[in-house]
């Protein structure tokens, strides 16, 4: 639809409303309408559209996934996880779904499940910077530091300007007591983002440790 392609979401929403008046029991129209409303920040209405789509067709994977995104955005991670798993149950099996299930598991503290999903997301799309970064964070939280370092270095290999990947490399190397490497990565973080207060704090901690 041309209004969507040109970013005119309000016009596109008007078109979908008109279409729904003519075809009120079309679950795909409700799913698409929900996606548009979500993009304009109208989450409550978007969720209502997704729920209507699911009511009309409980195999609407896109509606479950869209509803999951809304729940995730408002930090209702348990509900988001349920929606995402329903999307998977009706046949959705792409990289973004594994990524979001992994993110929910990470936020809920279920690290082994998060690791499995995020690893699968990375396998499906090695260029997904966010998937690889959160895979690294989950490895680090799981105390798999060497593997976490590899993941963060891979992020930097794709995006040298990723300040948080540099910062987390600093943390990882500090935990291994490789102080010079830790200091180097904290300095790199601050060069990229001077107001990164966690990196500034990490740098002070390393410098104190090196004085002893």
Protein backbone atom coordinates (compact mmCIF):
# COMPACT_ATOMS: atom_id res chain seq x y z
CA UNK A 1 0.00 0.00 0.00
CA UNK A 2 1.50 3.30 -1.09
CA UNK A 3 0.82 5.30 2.14
CA UNK A 4 2.78 2.70 4.14
CA UNK A 5 5.68 2.76 1.69
CA UNK A 6 5.89 6.54 1.92
CA UNK A 7 5.63 6.51 5.72
CA UNK A 8 2.20 8.12 5.80
CA UNK A 9 0.86 5.87 8.54
CA UNK A 10 -2.20 7.93 9.36
CA UNK A 11 -3.41 7.69 5.77
CA UNK A 12 -2.65 3.98 5.73
CA UNK A 13 -4.65 3.49 8.94
CA UNK A 14 -7.59 5.28 7.34
CA UNK A 15 -7.38 2.93 4.35
CA UNK A 16 -7.32 -0.12 6.61
CA UNK A 17 -10.31 1.15 8.59
CA UNK A 18 -12.24 1.52 5.35
CA UNK A 19 -11.17 -1.96 4.27
CA UNK A 20 -12.34 -3.40 7.61
CA UNK A 21 -15.73 -1.77 7.16
CA UNK A 22 -16.10 -3.75 3.93
CA UNK A 23 -14.50 -6.93 5.28
CA UNK A 24 -14.90 -6.93 9.08
CA UNK A 25 -13.97 -10.59 9.57
CA UNK A 26 -10.61 -10.53 7.80
CA UNK A 27 -7.91 -11.49 10.36
CA UNK A 28 -5.04 -10.37 8.12
CA UNK A 29 -6.47 -6.87 7.90
CA UNK A 30 -6.60 -6.71 11.70
CA UNK A 31 -3.02 -7.97 11.93
CA UNK A 32 -1.80 -5.34 9.47
CA UNK A 33 -3.83 -2.66 11.20
CA UNK A 34 -2.25 -3.67 14.51
CA UNK A 35 1.23 -3.34 13.01
CA UNK A 36 0.48 0.17 11.77
CA UNK A 37 -0.98 1.27 15.09
CA UNK A 38 2.05 -0.14 16.91
CA UNK A 39 4.36 1.89 14.69
CA UNK A 40 2.48 5.05 15.63
CA UNK A 41 2.69 4.20 19.34
CA UNK A 42 -0.99 3.41 19.78
CA UNK A 43 -0.24 0.20 21.65
CA UNK A 44 -3.61 -0.37 23.29
CA UNK A 45 -5.47 -0.13 19.99
CA UNK A 46 -2.83 -2.22 18.26
CA UNK A 47 -3.15 -4.97 20.85
CA UNK A 48 -6.93 -4.91 20.43
CA UNK A 49 -6.46 -5.44 16.68
CA UNK A 50 -4.08 -8.33 17.25
CA UNK A 51 -6.49 -9.94 19.71
CA UNK A 52 -9.33 -9.55 17.21
CA UNK A 53 -7.19 -11.17 14.51
CA UNK A 54 -6.42 -14.10 16.82
CA UNK A 55 -10.10 -14.43 17.73
CA UNK A 56 -10.96 -14.69 14.03
CA UNK A 57 -8.05 -17.01 13.21
CA UNK A 58 -6.04 -18.59 16.02
CA UNK A 59 -3.31 -19.51 13.52
CA UNK A 60 -2.38 -15.86 12.86
CA UNK A 61 1.33 -16.06 13.73
CA UNK A 62 1.89 -12.41 12.81
CA UNK A 63 -0.76 -11.30 15.30
CA UNK A 64 0.82 -13.31 18.12
CA UNK A 65 4.24 -11.91 17.23
CA UNK A 66 2.96 -8.33 17.05
CA UNK A 67 1.19 -8.69 20.40
CA UNK A 68 4.42 -10.07 21.83
CA UNK A 69 6.32 -7.00 20.65
CA UNK A 70 3.83 -4.69 22.36
CA UNK A 71 4.08 -6.62 25.64
CA UNK A 72 7.87 -6.56 25.39
CA UNK A 73 7.92 -2.81 24.77
CA UNK A 74 5.93 -2.20 27.97
CA UNK A 75 8.26 -4.59 29.85
CA UNK A 76 5.65 -7.31 30.37
CA UNK A 77 8.17 -9.98 29.47
CA UNK A 78 6.21 -12.99 30.71
CA UNK A 79 3.18 -12.09 28.60
CA UNK A 80 5.43 -11.31 25.63
CA UNK A 81 7.04 -14.73 25.95
CA UNK A 82 3.64 -16.40 25.91
CA UNK A 83 2.65 -14.56 22.73
CA UNK A 84 5.94 -15.40 21.02
CA UNK A 85 5.63 -19.08 21.92
CA UNK A 86 2.09 -19.09 20.53
CA UNK A 87 3.49 -17.67 17.28
CA UNK A 88 6.02 -20.48 17.25
CA UNK A 89 3.35 -23.07 17.99
CA UNK A 90 1.40 -22.09 14.87
CA UNK A 91 4.43 -22.32 12.61
CA UNK A 92 6.55 -19.17 12.89
CA UNK A 93 10.22 -20.09 12.96
CA UNK A 94 12.34 -17.16 11.81
CA UNK A 95 15.37 -15.39 13.22
CA UNK A 96 13.44 -12.49 14.75
CA UNK A 97 11.22 -14.85 16.74
CA UNK A 98 14.20 -16.71 18.23
CA UNK A 99 15.78 -13.34 19.02
CA UNK A 100 12.72 -12.05 20.88
CA UNK A 101 12.12 -15.28 22.77
CA UNK A 102 15.77 -15.13 23.80
CA UNK A 103 15.39 -11.51 24.88
CA UNK A 104 12.37 -12.38 27.02
CA UNK A 105 14.20 -15.28 28.65
CA UNK A 106 17.16 -12.96 29.28
CA UNK A 107 14.97 -10.31 30.91
CA UNK A 108 13.28 -12.98 33.04
CA UNK A 109 16.65 -14.36 34.16
CA UNK A 110 16.24 -17.72 32.43
CA UNK A 111 19.81 -17.72 31.13
CA UNK A 112 20.11 -21.28 29.72
CA UNK A 113 16.94 -20.78 27.65
CA UNK A 114 18.09 -17.31 26.59
CA UNK A 115 21.46 -18.70 25.48
CA UNK A 116 19.88 -21.37 23.31
CA UNK A 117 17.53 -18.94 21.58
CA UNK A 118 20.05 -16.17 21.07
CA UNK A 119 22.61 -18.62 19.74
CA UNK A 120 20.02 -19.82 17.22
CA UNK A 121 19.25 -16.22 16.25
CA UNK A 122 22.96 -15.59 15.63
CA UNK A 123 23.22 -18.78 13.58
CA UNK A 124 20.29 -17.73 11.42
CA UNK A 125 21.64 -14.20 10.89
CA UNK A 126 25.32 -13.76 11.80
CA UNK A 127 25.06 -10.07 10.86
CA UNK A 128 22.40 -9.28 13.47
CA UNK A 129 24.38 -7.01 15.77
CA UNK A 130 21.76 -6.95 18.54
CA UNK A 131 21.40 -10.74 18.65
CA UNK A 132 25.15 -11.23 18.90
CA UNK A 133 25.52 -8.49 21.53
CA UNK A 134 22.82 -9.93 23.78
CA UNK A 135 24.22 -13.40 23.19
CA UNK A 136 27.48 -12.01 24.57
CA UNK A 137 25.74 -10.46 27.58
CA UNK A 138 24.00 -13.74 28.34
CA UNK A 139 27.28 -15.65 28.06
CA UNK A 140 28.89 -13.16 30.45
CA UNK A 141 26.04 -13.47 32.94
CA UNK A 142 26.41 -17.24 32.68
CA UNK A 143 30.11 -16.81 33.59
CA UNK A 144 31.21 -18.08 30.19
CA UNK A 145 33.69 -15.23 29.90
CA UNK A 146 35.91 -16.52 27.11
CA UNK A 147 32.88 -17.16 24.92
CA UNK A 148 31.44 -13.76 25.83
CA UNK A 149 34.68 -12.07 24.76
CA UNK A 150 34.44 -13.81 21.38
CA UNK A 151 30.87 -12.61 20.95
CA UNK A 152 31.67 -8.98 21.83
CA UNK A 153 34.72 -9.00 19.58
CA UNK A 154 32.53 -10.25 16.75
CA UNK A 155 30.17 -7.31 17.34
CA UNK A 156 33.09 -4.89 17.15
CA UNK A 157 34.31 -6.66 14.02
CA UNK A 158 31.04 -5.62 12.37
CA UNK A 159 30.71 -2.26 14.11
CA UNK A 160 33.85 -0.68 15.54
CA UNK A 161 31.74 2.12 17.02
CA UNK A 162 29.65 -0.12 19.30
CA UNK A 163 30.52 1.51 22.63
CA UNK A 164 28.70 -1.01 24.82
CA UNK A 165 30.52 -3.93 23.20
CA UNK A 166 33.84 -2.24 24.05
CA UNK A 167 32.61 -1.59 27.60
CA UNK A 168 31.57 -5.19 28.13
CA UNK A 169 34.91 -6.37 26.81
CA UNK A 170 36.48 -4.17 29.49
CA UNK A 171 34.32 -5.83 32.14
CA UNK A 172 35.11 -9.30 30.79
CA UNK A 173 38.85 -8.76 30.75
CA UNK A 174 38.77 -7.18 34.22
CA UNK A 175 36.99 -10.27 35.53
CA UNK A 176 39.86 -12.33 34.07
CA UNK A 177 42.31 -9.94 35.80
CA UNK A 178 43.73 -8.86 32.45
CA UNK A 179 43.91 -5.28 33.62
CA UNK A 180 45.75 -3.70 30.70
CA UNK A 181 43.27 -5.09 28.19
CA UNK A 182 40.38 -4.00 30.41
CA UNK A 183 41.77 -0.47 30.65
CA UNK A 184 42.25 -0.35 26.88
CA UNK A 185 38.62 -1.25 26.23
CA UNK A 186 37.31 1.20 28.83
CA UNK A 187 39.36 3.92 27.16
CA UNK A 188 37.98 2.93 23.76
CA UNK A 189 34.46 3.11 25.17
CA UNK A 190 35.06 6.61 26.49
CA UNK A 191 36.60 7.72 23.21
CA UNK A 192 33.41 6.64 21.46
CA UNK A 193 31.05 7.86 24.18
CA UNK A 194 32.64 10.33 26.63
CA UNK A 195 29.59 10.36 28.92
CA UNK A 196 29.60 6.56 29.40
CA UNK A 197 29.71 6.74 33.19
CA UNK A 198 29.94 2.97 33.65
CA UNK A 199 33.09 2.89 31.53
CA UNK A 200 34.48 5.83 33.50
CA UNK A 201 33.79 3.95 36.73
CA UNK A 202 35.32 0.78 35.31
CA UNK A 203 38.43 2.69 34.28
CA UNK A 204 38.86 4.06 37.81
CA UNK A 205 38.47 0.57 39.27
CA UNK A 206 41.12 -0.84 36.93
CA UNK A 207 43.53 2.02 37.64
CA UNK A 208 43.13 1.47 41.39
CA UNK A 209 43.79 -2.23 40.94
CA UNK A 210 46.88 -1.54 38.87
CA UNK A 211 48.30 0.72 41.61
CA UNK A 212 48.32 -2.09 44.14
